[in-house]
Protein backbone atom coordinates (compact mmCIF):
# COMPACT_ATOMS: atom_id res chain seq x y z
CA MET A 1 72.96 116.20 80.17
CA LYS A 2 70.21 115.39 77.82
CA LYS A 3 67.83 117.70 79.98
CA VAL A 4 70.13 120.48 79.88
CA LEU A 5 70.37 120.21 76.08
CA PHE A 6 66.69 119.93 75.65
CA LEU A 7 65.93 122.89 78.11
CA ALA A 8 68.54 125.02 76.21
CA LEU A 9 66.77 123.87 72.98
CA ALA A 10 63.51 124.94 74.25
CA ALA A 11 64.80 128.51 75.48
CA VAL A 12 66.19 128.97 72.02
CA SER A 13 63.09 128.10 70.08
CA PHE A 14 60.87 130.38 72.67
CA SER A 15 63.25 133.31 71.85
CA PHE A 16 62.21 132.78 67.99
CA ALA A 17 58.36 132.10 68.79
CA SER A 18 57.47 135.60 67.79
CA CYS A 19 58.47 134.79 64.31
CA ASP A 20 56.11 131.95 63.85
CA SER A 21 52.36 131.79 63.34
CA LYS A 22 50.16 130.66 66.25
CA THR A 23 49.32 127.72 64.24
CA GLU A 24 53.13 126.61 64.33
CA ASN A 25 53.53 127.47 67.81
CA ALA A 26 50.72 125.19 68.76
CA GLN A 27 52.24 122.33 66.69
CA GLU A 28 55.46 122.87 68.00
CA ALA A 29 54.02 122.85 71.53
CA GLN A 30 52.45 119.59 70.86
CA ALA A 31 55.77 118.22 69.58
CA GLU A 32 57.51 119.47 72.81
CA ASN A 33 54.82 117.76 75.06
CA VAL A 34 55.51 114.32 72.91
CA GLU A 35 59.22 114.65 73.26
CA GLU A 36 58.82 115.46 77.13
CA ALA A 37 56.43 112.38 77.63
CA GLY A 38 58.76 110.21 75.85
CA GLU A 39 61.64 111.37 77.97
CA ALA A 40 59.73 110.64 81.14
CA LYS A 41 58.79 107.26 80.07
CA ALA A 42 62.14 106.47 79.12
CA ASP A 43 63.64 107.83 82.29
CA ALA A 44 61.11 105.39 84.11
CA MET A 45 62.14 102.45 82.09
CA GLU A 46 65.93 103.43 82.66
CA ALA A 47 65.19 103.48 86.47
CA ALA A 48 63.63 100.14 86.32
CA GLY A 49 66.70 98.74 84.75
CA ASN A 50 65.60 98.58 80.95
CA GLU A 51 68.32 100.72 79.46
CA ALA A 52 67.81 99.22 75.74
CA GLY A 53 64.15 100.03 75.87
CA ALA A 54 64.66 103.38 77.34
CA ASP A 55 66.91 104.08 74.44
CA SER A 56 64.47 102.79 72.07
CA VAL A 57 61.57 104.89 73.42
CA GLU A 58 63.59 107.96 73.58
CA ALA A 59 64.79 107.56 69.94
CA SER A 60 61.35 107.05 68.82
CA THR A 61 59.51 109.86 70.53
CA GLU A 62 62.48 112.19 69.55
CA ALA A 63 62.11 111.39 65.94
CA LYS A 64 58.34 111.85 66.12
CA ALA A 65 58.69 115.10 67.82
CA ASP A 66 61.18 116.26 65.11
CA ALA A 67 58.81 115.08 62.46
CA MET A 68 55.98 117.14 64.10
CA GLU A 69 58.31 120.10 64.15
CA ASN A 70 59.44 119.87 60.67
CA ALA A 71 55.72 119.63 59.55
CA ALA A 72 54.96 122.89 61.64
CA ASP A 73 57.87 124.70 60.13
CA ALA A 74 56.68 123.67 56.73
CA THR A 75 53.06 124.88 57.35
CA ASP A 76 54.58 128.31 58.36
CA ALA A 77 56.78 128.57 55.16
CA LYS A 78 54.03 128.52 52.71
């Protein structure tokens, strides 16, 4: 379910990509990579039976990616 939501969010963000600067797009791509890496790590931890650790990793990387995206949006708004 999370992956479907994430892919839908990625598709929507790409549809608005033409409205952003190249710098903002690059920063958002980095944020997306951070989130994808965190999800992969969380999935591996969950598969190993560490549900609590997986939730923690996923939450922290999602927060970091969101902060990166917000910073990217702020640079474009100037």
